[in-house]
Amino acid sequence: MANPPTAEEVMANLKPIHDPEIRVGIVDLGLIYDVAVEESGKVLVKMTLTTPACPYGEQLLTEVHREVAAMEGVNEVEVSLVWDPPWDPKEMASDLAKDILGIW
């Protein structure tokens, strides 16, 4: 079996996933709070959504799980939805996302 990916490689693999409502990548929005990779190949992702009522929440969780599971060296994926700290685009979004959203 191949070596598990690094947390940075997992984050890079998640960059193309966009929030369909906002049309900005979930990594740039700051929705991925943490990625941990165990030596066994298990990847744990902690993420949030822009709001608890996000209509695309289940879709985003499924996409994150699918993209990570497809990576070489990954044999198990756990995606946890967390609300603490609450998502704040002014603090958590990248400069690119802030430009797109008009937040400064």
Protein backbone atom coordinates (compact mmCIF):
# COMPACT_ATOMS: atom_id res chain seq x y z
CA MET A 1 0.00 0.00 0.00
CA ALA A 2 1.16 3.54 -0.75
CA ASN A 3 2.09 5.94 1.99
CA PRO A 4 -0.79 8.07 3.25
CA PRO A 5 -0.98 11.63 1.95
CA THR A 6 0.09 14.57 4.06
CA ALA A 7 -2.48 16.96 5.54
CA GLU A 8 -1.27 19.55 3.01
CA GLU A 9 -1.92 17.14 0.13
CA VAL A 10 -5.42 16.47 1.43
CA MET A 11 -6.11 20.22 1.64
CA ALA A 12 -4.83 20.70 -1.92
CA ASN A 13 -7.11 17.90 -3.09
CA LEU A 14 -10.12 19.64 -1.46
CA LYS A 15 -9.43 23.06 -3.05
CA PRO A 16 -11.54 22.40 -6.18
CA ILE A 17 -14.69 21.70 -4.12
CA HIS A 18 -16.89 24.80 -4.25
CA ASP A 19 -19.83 25.79 -2.11
CA PRO A 20 -22.57 25.75 -4.78
CA GLU A 21 -24.44 28.60 -3.13
CA ILE A 22 -21.48 30.98 -2.82
CA ARG A 23 -19.38 29.57 -5.71
CA VAL A 24 -16.14 29.83 -3.78
CA GLY A 25 -13.93 26.91 -2.79
CA ILE A 26 -14.52 25.47 0.66
CA VAL A 27 -10.80 25.64 1.47
CA ASP A 28 -10.66 29.34 0.51
CA LEU A 29 -13.81 29.98 2.53
CA GLY A 30 -12.07 28.50 5.57
CA LEU A 31 -14.63 25.73 5.99
CA ILE A 32 -11.98 23.05 6.52
CA TYR A 33 -10.90 23.48 10.13
CA ASP A 34 -8.47 20.59 10.46
CA VAL A 35 -7.03 17.61 8.61
CA ALA A 36 -5.25 14.83 10.47
CA VAL A 37 -3.64 11.86 8.77
CA GLU A 38 -2.78 8.74 10.72
CA GLU A 39 0.06 6.39 9.74
CA SER A 40 -2.55 3.72 9.07
CA GLY A 41 -3.99 5.79 6.21
CA LYS A 42 -7.02 7.03 8.12
CA VAL A 43 -7.81 10.68 7.37
CA LEU A 44 -9.89 12.78 9.74
CA VAL A 45 -11.37 16.02 8.43
CA LYS A 46 -13.09 18.59 10.65
CA MET A 47 -15.17 21.06 8.71
CA THR A 48 -18.02 23.47 9.09
CA LEU A 49 -20.61 25.08 6.84
CA THR A 50 -21.39 28.73 6.24
CA THR A 51 -24.61 28.31 8.24
CA PRO A 52 -26.34 25.43 10.02
CA ALA A 53 -29.19 25.76 7.49
CA CYS A 54 -26.89 25.43 4.47
CA PRO A 55 -28.97 23.62 1.83
CA TYR A 56 -25.84 22.01 0.38
CA GLY A 57 -24.41 20.73 3.66
CA GLU A 58 -24.92 17.03 3.01
CA GLN A 59 -23.63 17.40 -0.54
CA LEU A 60 -20.46 19.12 0.65
CA LEU A 61 -19.79 16.50 3.33
CA THR A 62 -20.27 13.75 0.73
CA GLU A 63 -17.94 15.47 -1.75
CA VAL A 64 -15.23 15.92 0.88
CA HIS A 65 -15.50 12.27 1.89
CA ARG A 66 -15.41 11.08 -1.73
CA GLU A 67 -12.42 13.22 -2.71
CA VAL A 68 -10.35 12.18 0.29
CA ALA A 69 -11.28 8.50 -0.04
CA ALA A 70 -10.10 8.53 -3.66
CA MET A 71 -6.59 9.65 -2.71
CA GLU A 72 -3.76 7.12 -2.92
CA GLY A 73 -2.75 5.79 0.49
CA VAL A 74 -6.11 6.54 2.15
CA ASN A 75 -7.94 3.52 3.55
CA GLU A 76 -10.48 5.21 5.83
CA VAL A 77 -12.06 8.67 5.99
CA GLU A 78 -13.94 10.36 8.80
CA VAL A 79 -15.53 13.75 8.11
CA SER A 80 -16.85 15.57 11.18
CA LEU A 81 -19.12 18.58 11.02
CA VAL A 82 -18.32 21.06 13.79
CA TRP A 83 -19.74 24.45 14.74
CA ASP A 84 -17.08 25.67 17.13
CA PRO A 85 -15.67 28.11 16.40
CA PRO A 86 -18.51 29.59 14.39
CA TRP A 87 -17.53 30.32 10.79
CA ASP A 88 -16.56 33.95 10.27
CA PRO A 89 -15.54 34.87 6.71
CA LYS A 90 -13.70 37.98 7.89
CA GLU A 91 -11.39 35.81 9.99
CA MET A 92 -11.35 32.47 8.18
CA ALA A 93 -11.65 33.16 4.44
CA SER A 94 -8.59 33.55 2.25
CA ASP A 95 -7.82 36.87 0.56
CA LEU A 96 -9.12 35.40 -2.71
CA ALA A 97 -12.45 34.49 -1.12
CA LYS A 98 -12.70 37.90 0.53
CA ASP A 99 -12.15 39.55 -2.87
CA ILE A 100 -14.85 37.39 -4.47
CA LEU A 101 -17.28 38.01 -1.61
CA GLY A 102 -16.42 41.71 -1.28
CA ILE A 103 -15.41 41.33 2.36
CA TRP A 104 -12.65 43.49 3.84
